[in-house]
Amino acid sequence: MQLRRYPESFKTKIVDLRSDGHRVSELAKIFEISESSIYRWVKTLRSTEPENLLECKLMLEALIELNKRQKVLENMSLKIKKIFIIDLEHPRLI
């Protein structure tokens, strides 16, 4: 029996199809791969999901915080511009 290697994108597609409700036996027959390979890919790829989800959640929280900081900086910038314009329109005599 020849050992075949499959690209990660192919494995992910098979796991996605399994998650969509396709039977392992059906996928094995259509794509000419062993059922044990599919079960192994499902186990391996699903075990990494929580880590990826946690990573995504942390990145999303960081982006939200950066967005808040950007809005604060934009407001400060507008205030400074207004002060500068007022000073130009009404110069003070020293």
C-alpha atoms as a PDB file:
ATOM      1  CA  MET A   1       0.000   0.000   0.000  1.00  0.00           C
ATOM      2  CA  GLN A   2       1.378   3.345  -1.070  1.00  0.00           C
ATOM      3  CA  LEU A   3       1.572   6.137   1.527  1.00  0.00           C
ATOM      4  CA  ARG A   4       0.138   9.345   0.073  1.00  0.00           C
ATOM      5  CA  ARG A   5       0.582  12.831   1.466  1.00  0.00           C
ATOM      6  CA  TYR A   6      -2.190  15.363   1.174  1.00  0.00           C
ATOM      7  CA  PRO A   7      -1.916  19.153   1.376  1.00  0.00           C
ATOM      8  CA  GLU A   8      -3.342  20.800   4.503  1.00  0.00           C
ATOM      9  CA  SER A   9      -5.886  22.666   2.358  1.00  0.00           C
ATOM     10  CA  PHE A  10      -7.247  19.341   1.101  1.00  0.00           C
ATOM     11  CA  LYS A  11      -7.456  17.926   4.623  1.00  0.00           C
ATOM     12  CA  THR A  12      -9.242  21.059   5.826  1.00  0.00           C
ATOM     13  CA  LYS A  13     -11.751  20.802   2.976  1.00  0.00           C
ATOM     14  CA  ILE A  14     -12.516  17.181   3.843  1.00  0.00           C
ATOM     15  CA  VAL A  15     -12.969  18.088   7.530  1.00  0.00           C
ATOM     16  CA  ASP A  16     -15.262  20.970   6.518  1.00  0.00           C
ATOM     17  CA  LEU A  17     -17.347  18.615   4.379  1.00  0.00           C
ATOM     18  CA  ARG A  18     -17.578  16.204   7.331  1.00  0.00           C
ATOM     19  CA  SER A  19     -18.687  19.090   9.568  1.00  0.00           C
ATOM     20  CA  ASP A  20     -21.340  19.968   6.987  1.00  0.00           C
ATOM     21  CA  GLY A  21     -22.909  16.549   7.531  1.00  0.00           C
ATOM     22  CA  HIS A  22     -21.346  14.299   4.897  1.00  0.00           C
ATOM     23  CA  ARG A  23     -20.672  10.749   6.026  1.00  0.00           C
ATOM     24  CA  VAL A  24     -17.078   9.588   6.381  1.00  0.00           C
ATOM     25  CA  SER A  25     -17.754   6.541   4.190  1.00  0.00           C
ATOM     26  CA  GLU A  26     -19.189   8.797   1.481  1.00  0.00           C
ATOM     27  CA  LEU A  27     -16.184  11.137   1.544  1.00  0.00           C
ATOM     28  CA  ALA A  28     -13.744   8.230   1.548  1.00  0.00           C
ATOM     29  CA  LYS A  29     -15.368   6.750  -1.533  1.00  0.00           C
ATOM     30  CA  ILE A  30     -15.665  10.049  -3.466  1.00  0.00           C
ATOM     31  CA  PHE A  31     -12.100  11.215  -2.773  1.00  0.00           C
ATOM     32  CA  GLU A  32     -10.538   7.743  -2.721  1.00  0.00           C
ATOM     33  CA  ILE A  33      -9.006   8.088   0.733  1.00  0.00           C
ATOM     34  CA  SER A  34      -9.222   5.844   3.771  1.00  0.00           C
ATOM     35  CA  GLU A  35     -11.841   6.409   6.416  1.00  0.00           C
ATOM     36  CA  SER A  36      -9.149   6.230   9.084  1.00  0.00           C
ATOM     37  CA  SER A  37      -7.352   9.170   7.446  1.00  0.00           C
ATOM     38  CA  ILE A  38     -10.520  11.238   7.578  1.00  0.00           C
ATOM     39  CA  TYR A  39     -11.136  10.366  11.229  1.00  0.00           C
ATOM     40  CA  ARG A  40      -7.511  11.268  12.041  1.00  0.00           C
ATOM     41  CA  TRP A  41      -7.770  14.615  10.200  1.00  0.00           C
ATOM     42  CA  VAL A  42     -11.028  15.454  11.940  1.00  0.00           C
ATOM     43  CA  LYS A  43      -9.491  14.687  15.336  1.00  0.00           C
ATOM     44  CA  THR A  44      -6.292  16.615  14.586  1.00  0.00           C
ATOM     45  CA  LEU A  45      -7.854  19.666  12.989  1.00  0.00           C
ATOM     46  CA  ARG A  46     -10.668  19.972  15.516  1.00  0.00           C
ATOM     47  CA  SER A  47      -8.226  19.781  18.414  1.00  0.00           C
ATOM     48  CA  THR A  48      -6.535  22.968  17.155  1.00  0.00           C
ATOM     49  CA  GLU A  49      -9.751  24.965  16.759  1.00  0.00           C
ATOM     50  CA  PRO A  50     -10.073  26.278  20.332  1.00  0.00           C
ATOM     51  CA  GLU A  51      -6.529  27.580  20.165  1.00  0.00           C
ATOM     52  CA  ASN A  52      -7.292  29.367  16.892  1.00  0.00           C
ATOM     53  CA  LEU A  53     -10.571  30.691  18.268  1.00  0.00           C
ATOM     54  CA  LEU A  54      -8.815  32.017  21.348  1.00  0.00           C
ATOM     55  CA  GLU A  55      -6.204  33.668  19.158  1.00  0.00           C
ATOM     56  CA  CYS A  56      -8.934  35.279  17.035  1.00  0.00           C
ATOM     57  CA  LYS A  57     -10.790  36.487  20.118  1.00  0.00           C
ATOM     58  CA  LEU A  58      -7.638  38.076  21.546  1.00  0.00           C
ATOM     59  CA  MET A  59      -6.867  39.745  18.216  1.00  0.00           C
ATOM     60  CA  LEU A  60     -10.424  41.066  17.980  1.00  0.00           C
ATOM     61  CA  GLU A  61     -10.222  42.507  21.496  1.00  0.00           C
ATOM     62  CA  ALA A  62      -6.911  44.173  20.626  1.00  0.00           C
ATOM     63  CA  LEU A  63      -8.413  45.666  17.455  1.00  0.00           C
ATOM     64  CA  ILE A  64     -11.385  47.024  19.407  1.00  0.00           C
ATOM     65  CA  GLU A  65      -9.027  48.630  21.929  1.00  0.00           C
ATOM     66  CA  LEU A  66      -6.925  50.143  19.142  1.00  0.00           C
ATOM     67  CA  ASN A  67     -10.081  51.501  17.506  1.00  0.00           C
ATOM     68  CA  LYS A  68     -11.076  53.183  20.787  1.00  0.00           C
ATOM     69  CA  ARG A  69      -7.627  54.730  21.137  1.00  0.00           C
ATOM     70  CA  GLN A  70      -7.732  55.940  17.539  1.00  0.00           C
ATOM     71  CA  LYS A  71     -11.047  57.718  18.182  1.00  0.00           C
ATOM     72  CA  VAL A  72      -9.600  59.409  21.282  1.00  0.00           C
ATOM     73  CA  LEU A  73      -6.580  60.571  19.291  1.00  0.00           C
ATOM     74  CA  GLU A  74      -8.784  61.853  16.464  1.00  0.00           C
ATOM     75  CA  ASN A  75     -10.872  63.856  18.951  1.00  0.00           C
ATOM     76  CA  MET A  76      -7.724  65.302  20.525  1.00  0.00           C
ATOM     77  CA  SER A  77      -6.420  66.206  17.083  1.00  0.00           C
ATOM     78  CA  LEU A  78      -9.661  68.046  16.228  1.00  0.00           C
ATOM     79  CA  LYS A  79      -9.515  70.013  19.490  1.00  0.00           C
ATOM     80  CA  ILE A  80      -5.902  71.015  18.832  1.00  0.00           C
ATOM     81  CA  LYS A  81      -6.781  72.117  15.288  1.00  0.00           C
ATOM     82  CA  LYS A  82      -9.686  74.229  16.598  1.00  0.00           C
ATOM     83  CA  ILE A  83      -7.425  75.890  19.167  1.00  0.00           C
ATOM     84  CA  PHE A  84      -4.806  76.570  16.504  1.00  0.00           C
ATOM     85  CA  ILE A  85      -7.404  78.093  14.139  1.00  0.00           C
ATOM     86  CA  ILE A  86      -8.779  80.312  16.933  1.00  0.00           C
ATOM     87  CA  ASP A  87      -5.237  81.483  17.779  1.00  0.00           C
ATOM     88  CA  LEU A  88      -4.620  82.352  14.116  1.00  0.00           C
ATOM     89  CA  GLU A  89      -7.887  84.271  13.840  1.00  0.00           C
ATOM     90  CA  HIS A  90      -7.372  86.158  17.115  1.00  0.00           C
ATOM     91  CA  PRO A  91      -3.672  86.635  17.730  1.00  0.00           C
ATOM     92  CA  ARG A  92      -2.767  87.763  21.220  1.00  0.00           C
ATOM     93  CA  LEU A  93      -0.706  90.827  21.857  1.00  0.00           C
ATOM     94  CA  ILE A  94       2.148  90.302  24.250  1.00  0.00           C
END
